[in-house]
Structure formats: structure tokens, C-alpha cells
PDB file of N, CA and C in Angstrom:
ATOM      1  N   UNK A   1     -45.385 102.737 -28.542  1.00  0.00           N
ATOM      2  CA  UNK A   1     -44.867 101.000 -26.687  1.00  0.00           C
ATOM      3  C   UNK A   1     -43.575 101.345 -27.274  1.00  0.00           C
ATOM      4  N   UNK A   2     -44.124 100.997 -25.472  1.00  0.00           N
ATOM      5  CA  UNK A   2     -41.843 101.051 -24.806  1.00  0.00           C
ATOM      6  C   UNK A   2     -41.352  99.743 -24.431  1.00  0.00           C
ATOM      7  N   UNK A   3     -41.007  99.477 -24.379  1.00  0.00           N
ATOM      8  CA  UNK A   3     -40.533  98.065 -24.396  1.00  0.00           C
ATOM      9  C   UNK A   3     -40.405  97.952 -22.924  1.00  0.00           C
ATOM     10  N   UNK A   4     -40.387  96.432 -22.101  1.00  0.00           N
ATOM     11  CA  UNK A   4     -40.721  96.015 -21.045  1.00  0.00           C
ATOM     12  C   UNK A   4     -38.670  96.450 -20.659  1.00  0.00           C
ATOM     13  N   UNK A   5     -39.183  96.518 -18.819  1.00  0.00           N
ATOM     14  CA  UNK A   5     -37.937  96.943 -18.077  1.00  0.00           C
ATOM     15  C   UNK A   5     -37.047  95.693 -18.714  1.00  0.00           C
ATOM     16  N   UNK A   6     -35.403  95.333 -18.553  1.00  0.00           N
ATOM     17  CA  UNK A   6     -34.774  94.325 -17.703  1.00  0.00           C
ATOM     18  C   UNK A   6     -35.731  93.455 -16.757  1.00  0.00           C
ATOM     19  N   UNK A   7     -35.783  94.358 -15.984  1.00  0.00           N
ATOM     20  CA  UNK A   7     -35.978  94.139 -14.251  1.00  0.00           C
ATOM     21  C   UNK A   7     -38.017  93.166 -14.415  1.00  0.00           C
ATOM     22  N   UNK A   8     -37.820  93.158 -15.459  1.00  0.00           N
ATOM     23  CA  UNK A   8     -39.511  92.813 -15.535  1.00  0.00           C
ATOM     24  C   UNK A   8     -38.849  91.078 -16.284  1.00  0.00           C
ATOM     25  N   UNK A   9     -38.356  91.308 -16.962  1.00  0.00           N
ATOM     26  CA  UNK A   9     -37.590  90.047 -17.211  1.00  0.00           C
ATOM     27  C   UNK A   9     -37.271  88.852 -16.899  1.00  0.00           C
ATOM     28  N   UNK A  10     -37.150  90.054 -15.373  1.00  0.00           N
ATOM     29  CA  UNK A  10     -35.719  89.135 -14.545  1.00  0.00           C
ATOM     30  C   UNK A  10     -37.472  88.511 -13.506  1.00  0.00           C
ATOM     31  N   UNK A  11     -37.916  89.017 -13.465  1.00  0.00           N
ATOM     32  CA  UNK A  11     -39.926  88.875 -12.137  1.00  0.00           C
ATOM     33  C   UNK A  11     -40.098  87.905 -12.574  1.00  0.00           C
ATOM     34  N   UNK A  12     -40.276  87.466 -14.221  1.00  0.00           N
ATOM     35  CA  UNK A  12     -40.966  86.880 -14.840  1.00  0.00           C
ATOM     36  C   UNK A  12     -40.362  84.993 -14.877  1.00  0.00           C
ATOM     37  N   UNK A  13     -38.869  85.390 -14.927  1.00  0.00           N
ATOM     38  CA  UNK A  13     -38.674  84.236 -14.567  1.00  0.00           C
ATOM     39  C   UNK A  13     -38.378  83.704 -13.021  1.00  0.00           C
ATOM     40  N   UNK A  14     -37.992  84.221 -11.877  1.00  0.00           N
ATOM     41  CA  UNK A  14     -38.053  84.288 -10.393  1.00  0.00           C
ATOM     42  C   UNK A  14     -39.497  83.449 -10.318  1.00  0.00           C
ATOM     43  N   UNK A  15     -40.500  84.006 -11.247  1.00  0.00           N
ATOM     44  CA  UNK A  15     -41.775  83.586 -11.016  1.00  0.00           C
ATOM     45  C   UNK A  15     -42.089  82.159 -12.139  1.00  0.00           C
ATOM     46  N   UNK A  16     -41.491  81.699 -13.040  1.00  0.00           N
ATOM     47  CA  UNK A  16     -41.501  80.583 -12.745  1.00  0.00           C
ATOM     48  C   UNK A  16     -40.400  79.415 -12.801  1.00  0.00           C
ATOM     49  N   UNK A  17     -39.697  79.678 -12.095  1.00  0.00           N
ATOM     50  CA  UNK A  17     -38.297  79.265 -11.018  1.00  0.00           C
ATOM     51  C   UNK A  17     -38.794  79.130  -9.630  1.00  0.00           C
ATOM     52  N   UNK A  18     -40.770  79.510  -9.706  1.00  0.00           N
ATOM     53  CA  UNK A  18     -41.465  79.490  -8.931  1.00  0.00           C
ATOM     54  C   UNK A  18     -41.884  78.729  -8.890  1.00  0.00           C
ATOM     55  N   UNK A  19     -42.395  77.619 -10.332  1.00  0.00           N
ATOM     56  CA  UNK A  19     -42.984  77.153 -10.915  1.00  0.00           C
ATOM     57  C   UNK A  19     -44.080  77.568 -10.867  1.00  0.00           C
ATOM     58  N   UNK A  20     -44.884  79.127 -11.119  1.00  0.00           N
ATOM     59  CA  UNK A  20     -45.783  79.365 -11.540  1.00  0.00           C
ATOM     60  C   UNK A  20     -46.554  79.402 -12.818  1.00  0.00           C
ATOM     61  N   UNK A  21     -47.107  79.397 -13.430  1.00  0.00           N
ATOM     62  CA  UNK A  21     -48.097  78.830 -14.605  1.00  0.00           C
ATOM     63  C   UNK A  21     -47.806  79.705 -15.272  1.00  0.00           C
ATOM     64  N   UNK A  22     -47.964  79.375 -16.917  1.00  0.00           N
ATOM     65  CA  UNK A  22     -48.008  81.441 -17.890  1.00  0.00           C
ATOM     66  C   UNK A  22     -48.491  82.147 -18.206  1.00  0.00           C
ATOM     67  N   UNK A  23     -50.078  81.973 -16.819  1.00  0.00           N
ATOM     68  CA  UNK A  23     -51.758  82.969 -17.417  1.00  0.00           C
ATOM     69  C   UNK A  23     -50.990  83.421 -15.793  1.00  0.00           C
ATOM     70  N   UNK A  24     -50.997  83.000 -14.428  1.00  0.00           N
ATOM     71  CA  UNK A  24     -50.066  83.155 -13.667  1.00  0.00           C
ATOM     72  C   UNK A  24     -49.764  84.944 -13.357  1.00  0.00           C
ATOM     73  N   UNK A  25     -48.236  84.257 -13.729  1.00  0.00           N
ATOM     74  CA  UNK A  25     -47.885  84.657 -14.119  1.00  0.00           C
ATOM     75  C   UNK A  25     -47.646  86.454 -15.236  1.00  0.00           C
ATOM     76  N   UNK A  26     -49.355  86.159 -16.424  1.00  0.00           N
ATOM     77  CA  UNK A  26     -48.941  87.335 -16.891  1.00  0.00           C
ATOM     78  C   UNK A  26     -49.818  88.757 -16.196  1.00  0.00           C
ATOM     79  N   UNK A  27     -50.729  87.612 -15.759  1.00  0.00           N
ATOM     80  CA  UNK A  27     -51.728  88.649 -14.798  1.00  0.00           C
ATOM     81  C   UNK A  27     -50.871  88.055 -13.376  1.00  0.00           C
ATOM     82  N   UNK A  28     -50.100  88.431 -13.287  1.00  0.00           N
ATOM     83  CA  UNK A  28     -49.380  89.121 -12.074  1.00  0.00           C
ATOM     84  C   UNK A  28     -47.802  90.664 -11.843  1.00  0.00           C
ATOM     85  N   UNK A  29     -47.610  89.925 -13.323  1.00  0.00           N
ATOM     86  CA  UNK A  29     -46.886  91.770 -14.553  1.00  0.00           C
ATOM     87  C   UNK A  29     -47.542  92.006 -15.527  1.00  0.00           C
ATOM     88  N   UNK A  30     -48.493  91.657 -16.143  1.00  0.00           N
ATOM     89  CA  UNK A  30     -49.556  92.666 -16.344  1.00  0.00           C
ATOM     90  C   UNK A  30     -49.530  92.040 -17.428  1.00  0.00           C
ATOM     91  N   UNK A  31     -48.840  91.921 -18.374  1.00  0.00           N
ATOM     92  CA  UNK A  31     -48.178  90.936 -19.860  1.00  0.00           C
ATOM     93  C   UNK A  31     -48.874  90.246 -20.223  1.00  0.00           C
ATOM     94  N   UNK A  32     -48.698  90.320 -21.213  1.00  0.00           N
ATOM     95  CA  UNK A  32     -49.656  89.547 -22.170  1.00  0.00           C
ATOM     96  C   UNK A  32     -49.100  87.726 -22.220  1.00  0.00           C
ATOM     97  N   UNK A  33     -49.675  86.610 -22.036  1.00  0.00           N
ATOM     98  CA  UNK A  33     -49.016  85.349 -21.811  1.00  0.00           C
ATOM     99  C   UNK A  33     -48.130  85.166 -22.409  1.00  0.00           C
ATOM    100  N   UNK A  34     -48.164  85.194 -24.282  1.00  0.00           N
ATOM    101  CA  UNK A  34     -47.672  85.260 -25.353  1.00  0.00           C
ATOM    102  C   UNK A  34     -46.090  85.885 -24.437  1.00  0.00           C
ATOM    103  N   UNK A  35     -46.190  86.803 -24.253  1.00  0.00           N
ATOM    104  CA  UNK A  35     -45.280  87.136 -23.512  1.00  0.00           C
ATOM    105  C   UNK A  35     -44.101  87.565 -23.529  1.00  0.00           C
ATOM    106  N   UNK A  36     -44.849  86.681 -21.968  1.00  0.00           N
ATOM    107  CA  UNK A  36     -44.348  86.039 -20.538  1.00  0.00           C
ATOM    108  C   UNK A  36     -44.023  84.473 -21.013  1.00  0.00           C
ATOM    109  N   UNK A  37     -44.062  83.200 -22.522  1.00  0.00           N
ATOM    110  CA  UNK A  37     -43.751  82.447 -22.855  1.00  0.00           C
ATOM    111  C   UNK A  37     -42.389  82.497 -23.682  1.00  0.00           C
ATOM    112  N   UNK A  38     -42.851  83.875 -24.526  1.00  0.00           N
ATOM    113  CA  UNK A  38     -41.540  84.323 -25.038  1.00  0.00           C
ATOM    114  C   UNK A  38     -40.668  84.647 -24.345  1.00  0.00           C
ATOM    115  N   UNK A  39     -40.376  85.291 -23.078  1.00  0.00           N
ATOM    116  CA  UNK A  39     -39.534  85.630 -21.901  1.00  0.00           C
ATOM    117  C   UNK A  39     -38.326  84.068 -21.915  1.00  0.00           C
ATOM    118  N   UNK A  40     -39.308  83.073 -21.806  1.00  0.00           N
ATOM    119  CA  UNK A  40     -38.918  81.991 -21.155  1.00  0.00           C
ATOM    120  C   UNK A  40     -37.947  81.182 -21.571  1.00  0.00           C
ATOM    121  N   UNK A  41     -39.216  81.224 -23.199  1.00  0.00           N
ATOM    122  CA  UNK A  41     -38.517  80.618 -24.113  1.00  0.00           C
ATOM    123  C   UNK A  41     -36.820  81.243 -24.347  1.00  0.00           C
ATOM    124  N   UNK A  42     -36.195  82.425 -24.984  1.00  0.00           N
ATOM    125  CA  UNK A  42     -35.799  83.133 -24.925  1.00  0.00           C
ATOM    126  C   UNK A  42     -34.160  83.062 -23.707  1.00  0.00           C
ATOM    127  N   UNK A  43     -34.640  83.238 -22.433  1.00  0.00           N
ATOM    128  CA  UNK A  43     -33.756  84.420 -21.339  1.00  0.00           C
ATOM    129  C   UNK A  43     -33.378  82.405 -20.588  1.00  0.00           C
ATOM    130  N   UNK A  44     -34.564  82.054 -20.756  1.00  0.00           N
ATOM    131  CA  UNK A  44     -34.786  81.060 -19.105  1.00  0.00           C
ATOM    132  C   UNK A  44     -34.267  79.613 -19.194  1.00  0.00           C
ATOM    133  N   UNK A  45     -33.823  79.640 -20.369  1.00  0.00           N
ATOM    134  CA  UNK A  45     -32.299  78.289 -20.281  1.00  0.00           C
ATOM    135  C   UNK A  45     -31.216  78.560 -20.103  1.00  0.00           C
ATOM    136  N   UNK A  46     -30.769  78.839 -19.162  1.00  0.00           N
ATOM    137  CA  UNK A  46     -29.180  79.237 -18.886  1.00  0.00           C
ATOM    138  C   UNK A  46     -28.605  81.175 -19.382  1.00  0.00           C
ATOM    139  N   UNK A  47     -29.746  81.742 -20.382  1.00  0.00           N
ATOM    140  CA  UNK A  47     -29.024  82.432 -20.779  1.00  0.00           C
ATOM    141  C   UNK A  47     -29.823  84.023 -19.501  1.00  0.00           C
ATOM    142  N   UNK A  48     -29.404  84.638 -19.410  1.00  0.00           N
ATOM    143  CA  UNK A  48     -29.200  85.417 -19.185  1.00  0.00           C
ATOM    144  C   UNK A  48     -30.540  86.762 -19.254  1.00  0.00           C
ATOM    145  N   UNK A  49     -31.051  86.913 -18.068  1.00  0.00           N
ATOM    146  CA  UNK A  49     -32.539  87.471 -18.706  1.00  0.00           C
ATOM    147  C   UNK A  49     -32.105  89.887 -18.992  1.00  0.00           C
ATOM    148  N   UNK A  50     -31.322  88.976 -19.840  1.00  0.00           N
ATOM    149  CA  UNK A  50     -30.551  90.113 -20.789  1.00  0.00           C
ATOM    150  C   UNK A  50     -30.551  90.844 -22.060  1.00  0.00           C
ATOM    151  N   UNK A  51     -31.345  90.978 -23.513  1.00  0.00           N
ATOM    152  CA  UNK A  51     -31.781  90.574 -24.348  1.00  0.00           C
ATOM    153  C   UNK A  51     -30.474  91.001 -24.803  1.00  0.00           C
ATOM    154  N   UNK A  52     -30.282  90.456 -26.550  1.00  0.00           N
ATOM    155  CA  UNK A  52     -29.204  89.803 -26.580  1.00  0.00           C
ATOM    156  C   UNK A  52     -28.145  91.422 -27.141  1.00  0.00           C
ATOM    157  N   UNK A  53     -28.890  92.419 -27.523  1.00  0.00           N
ATOM    158  CA  UNK A  53     -28.385  93.813 -28.116  1.00  0.00           C
ATOM    159  C   UNK A  53     -28.590  93.780 -30.417  1.00  0.00           C
ATOM    160  N   UNK A  54     -28.378  92.700 -30.272  1.00  0.00           N
ATOM    161  CA  UNK A  54     -28.487  92.457 -31.796  1.00  0.00           C
ATOM    162  C   UNK A  54     -29.492  92.634 -32.969  1.00  0.00           C
ATOM    163  N   UNK A  55     -29.995  92.288 -31.951  1.00  0.00           N
ATOM    164  CA  UNK A  55     -32.196  92.766 -32.542  1.00  0.00           C
ATOM    165  C   UNK A  55     -32.309  91.740 -33.679  1.00  0.00           C
ATOM    166  N   UNK A  56     -31.485  90.648 -33.320  1.00  0.00           N
ATOM    167  CA  UNK A  56     -31.654  88.771 -35.100  1.00  0.00           C
ATOM    168  C   UNK A  56     -31.428  88.121 -33.990  1.00  0.00           C
ATOM    169  N   UNK A  57     -32.465  87.844 -34.457  1.00  0.00           N
ATOM    170  CA  UNK A  57     -32.879  85.063 -34.170  1.00  0.00           C
ATOM    171  C   UNK A  57     -31.972  85.078 -34.455  1.00  0.00           C
ATOM    172  N   UNK A  58     -31.341  85.002 -35.285  1.00  0.00           N
ATOM    173  CA  UNK A  58     -29.776  84.473 -36.908  1.00  0.00           C
ATOM    174  C   UNK A  58     -30.393  83.767 -38.191  1.00  0.00           C
ATOM    175  N   UNK A  59     -31.489  84.051 -38.148  1.00  0.00           N
ATOM    176  CA  UNK A  59     -32.273  83.824 -38.981  1.00  0.00           C
ATOM    177  C   UNK A  59     -31.690  84.447 -40.519  1.00  0.00           C
ATOM    178  N   UNK A  60     -31.135  86.001 -40.221  1.00  0.00           N
ATOM    179  CA  UNK A  60     -30.172  86.584 -41.346  1.00  0.00           C
ATOM    180  C   UNK A  60     -28.644  85.485 -41.610  1.00  0.00           C
ATOM    181  N   UNK A  61     -28.932  86.051 -40.763  1.00  0.00           N
ATOM    182  CA  UNK A  61     -27.108  85.122 -40.257  1.00  0.00           C
ATOM    183  C   UNK A  61     -27.271  83.649 -40.432  1.00  0.00           C
ATOM    184  N   UNK A  62     -27.545  83.136 -40.727  1.00  0.00           N
ATOM    185  CA  UNK A  62     -28.118  81.119 -41.069  1.00  0.00           C
ATOM    186  C   UNK A  62     -28.383  82.112 -42.614  1.00  0.00           C
ATOM    187  N   UNK A  63     -29.228  82.415 -43.320  1.00  0.00           N
ATOM    188  CA  UNK A  63     -28.809  82.537 -45.108  1.00  0.00           C
ATOM    189  C   UNK A  63     -27.790  83.263 -45.664  1.00  0.00           C
ATOM    190  N   UNK A  64     -27.622  83.727 -44.894  1.00  0.00           N
ATOM    191  CA  UNK A  64     -25.727  84.359 -45.082  1.00  0.00           C
ATOM    192  C   UNK A  64     -24.889  82.825 -45.738  1.00  0.00           C
ATOM    193  N   UNK A  65     -24.778  82.553 -44.127  1.00  0.00           N
ATOM    194  CA  UNK A  65     -24.023  81.659 -44.502  1.00  0.00           C
ATOM    195  C   UNK A  65     -24.781  79.952 -45.192  1.00  0.00           C
ATOM    196  N   UNK A  66     -26.394  79.839 -45.699  1.00  0.00           N
ATOM    197  CA  UNK A  66     -26.366  78.846 -46.416  1.00  0.00           C
ATOM    198  C   UNK A  66     -26.027  79.808 -48.300  1.00  0.00           C
ATOM    199  N   UNK A  67     -26.203  81.136 -48.506  1.00  0.00           N
ATOM    200  CA  UNK A  67     -26.481  81.458 -48.975  1.00  0.00           C
ATOM    201  C   UNK A  67     -24.468  81.944 -49.977  1.00  0.00           C
ATOM    202  N   UNK A  68     -23.158  81.461 -48.711  1.00  0.00           N
ATOM    203  CA  UNK A  68     -22.149  81.481 -48.474  1.00  0.00           C
ATOM    204  C   UNK A  68     -21.293  82.159 -49.305  1.00  0.00           C
ATOM    205  N   UNK A  69     -19.814  81.961 -50.268  1.00  0.00           N
ATOM    206  CA  UNK A  69     -18.877  83.122 -50.864  1.00  0.00           C
ATOM    207  C   UNK A  69     -19.871  82.805 -52.042  1.00  0.00           C
ATOM    208  N   UNK A  70     -20.698  82.538 -52.779  1.00  0.00           N
ATOM    209  CA  UNK A  70     -21.661  82.587 -53.873  1.00  0.00           C
ATOM    210  C   UNK A  70     -21.933  84.230 -54.508  1.00  0.00           C
ATOM    211  N   UNK A  71     -23.027  83.811 -53.369  1.00  0.00           N
ATOM    212  CA  UNK A  71     -23.465  85.702 -52.822  1.00  0.00           C
ATOM    213  C   UNK A  71     -22.183  86.901 -52.846  1.00  0.00           C
ATOM    214  N   UNK A  72     -21.272  86.118 -52.647  1.00  0.00           N
ATOM    215  CA  UNK A  72     -20.395  87.538 -51.758  1.00  0.00           C
ATOM    216  C   UNK A  72     -19.864  87.806 -53.437  1.00  0.00           C
ATOM    217  N   UNK A  73     -19.542  86.524 -54.131  1.00  0.00           N
ATOM    218  CA  UNK A  73     -18.427  86.680 -55.147  1.00  0.00           C
ATOM    219  C   UNK A  73     -19.384  87.468 -56.187  1.00  0.00           C
ATOM    220  N   UNK A  74     -19.927  87.442 -56.445  1.00  0.00           N
ATOM    221  CA  UNK A  74     -21.727  87.523 -56.795  1.00  0.00           C
ATOM    222  C   UNK A  74     -21.180  89.574 -56.673  1.00  0.00           C
ATOM    223  N   UNK A  75     -21.571  89.254 -56.283  1.00  0.00           N
ATOM    224  CA  UNK A  75     -21.288  91.316 -55.814  1.00  0.00           C
ATOM    225  C   UNK A  75     -20.099  91.659 -56.093  1.00  0.00           C
ATOM    226  N   UNK A  76     -18.872  91.339 -55.792  1.00  0.00           N
ATOM    227  CA  UNK A  76     -17.820  91.488 -55.771  1.00  0.00           C
ATOM    228  C   UNK A  76     -17.726  91.909 -57.040  1.00  0.00           C
ATOM    229  N   UNK A  77     -18.409  91.147 -58.539  1.00  0.00           N
ATOM    230  CA  UNK A  77     -17.837  91.488 -59.646  1.00  0.00           C
ATOM    231  C   UNK A  77     -18.966  91.923 -60.296  1.00  0.00           C
ATOM    232  N   UNK A  78     -19.727  92.462 -60.055  1.00  0.00           N
ATOM    233  CA  UNK A  78     -20.931  93.824 -60.343  1.00  0.00           C
ATOM    234  C   UNK A  78     -20.503  95.125 -60.000  1.00  0.00           C
ATOM    235  N   UNK A  79     -20.645  95.704 -61.215  1.00  0.00           N
ATOM    236  CA  UNK A  79     -20.386  96.650 -61.249  1.00  0.00           C
ATOM    237  C   UNK A  79     -21.302  97.780 -61.020  1.00  0.00           C
ATOM    238  N   UNK A  80     -20.466  98.600 -59.811  1.00  0.00           N
ATOM    239  CA  UNK A  80     -21.642  99.790 -59.029  1.00  0.00           C
ATOM    240  C   UNK A  80     -21.997 100.489 -60.521  1.00  0.00           C
ATOM    241  N   UNK A  81     -22.962 100.649 -59.672  1.00  0.00           N
ATOM    242  CA  UNK A  81     -24.463 101.095 -60.784  1.00  0.00           C
ATOM    243  C   UNK A  81     -25.194 102.818 -60.737  1.00  0.00           C
ATOM    244  N   UNK A  82     -23.997 104.317 -60.523  1.00  0.00           N
ATOM    245  CA  UNK A  82     -23.823 105.132 -60.329  1.00  0.00           C
ATOM    246  C   UNK A  82     -24.453 106.290 -61.221  1.00  0.00           C
ATOM    247  N   UNK A  83     -26.112 107.132 -60.687  1.00  0.00           N
ATOM    248  CA  UNK A  83     -26.807 107.667 -61.877  1.00  0.00           C
ATOM    249  C   UNK A  83     -25.754 108.810 -62.003  1.00  0.00           C
ATOM    250  N   UNK A  84     -24.785 109.649 -62.651  1.00  0.00           N
ATOM    251  CA  UNK A  84     -24.667 111.117 -62.193  1.00  0.00           C
ATOM    252  C   UNK A  84     -25.323 111.968 -63.216  1.00  0.00           C
ATOM    253  N   UNK A  85     -25.173 112.995 -62.639  1.00  0.00           N
ATOM    254  CA  UNK A  85     -26.324 114.146 -63.812  1.00  0.00           C
ATOM    255  C   UNK A  85     -26.057 114.799 -64.083  1.00  0.00           C
TER     256      UNK A  85
END
């Protein structure tokens, strides 16, 4: 399965800006309604139509922030276990 090009995302956002409904946008560009809706949610709020490139939605960063230095301190104190044969 291949990712949709940035141009398709921009066209979808333009169609939403013209006032088209999700079903109309999906049928016009031959994409699923859920994909069109996600593009609108992710990129339609003032962000550009390009993906951030990080591949992360921020969940990992929030989790790491919540754990804080406790995890980093524990992993720094933990001895490295390497098996040598």
C-alpha cells in the first residue's frame, strides 16, 4: 500500500475549504471517508498539508514526560547485561 501524495492532501483540504461534505470529498478523490476526515483533523487547523515527518502523534513524548527522570535514573543505574560466550 502506498501513501497518498501531498498534493492529494492539499486538494482534500481545498475541497473542505469550499464547503464540501466528507462523503463528497471522499468520492471525488477516491479515498476513504475516514482518511479524508483524518486529513482535515490533522492538517486543517492551520497546519500545512505536509506530514511532520516524525511519524509520532505525540503519545510517546507525553508518556516519557509523565515518567520523567525516574525512568532515566533507573536505566542509568541498571548494569548492562551482556552475555559473552
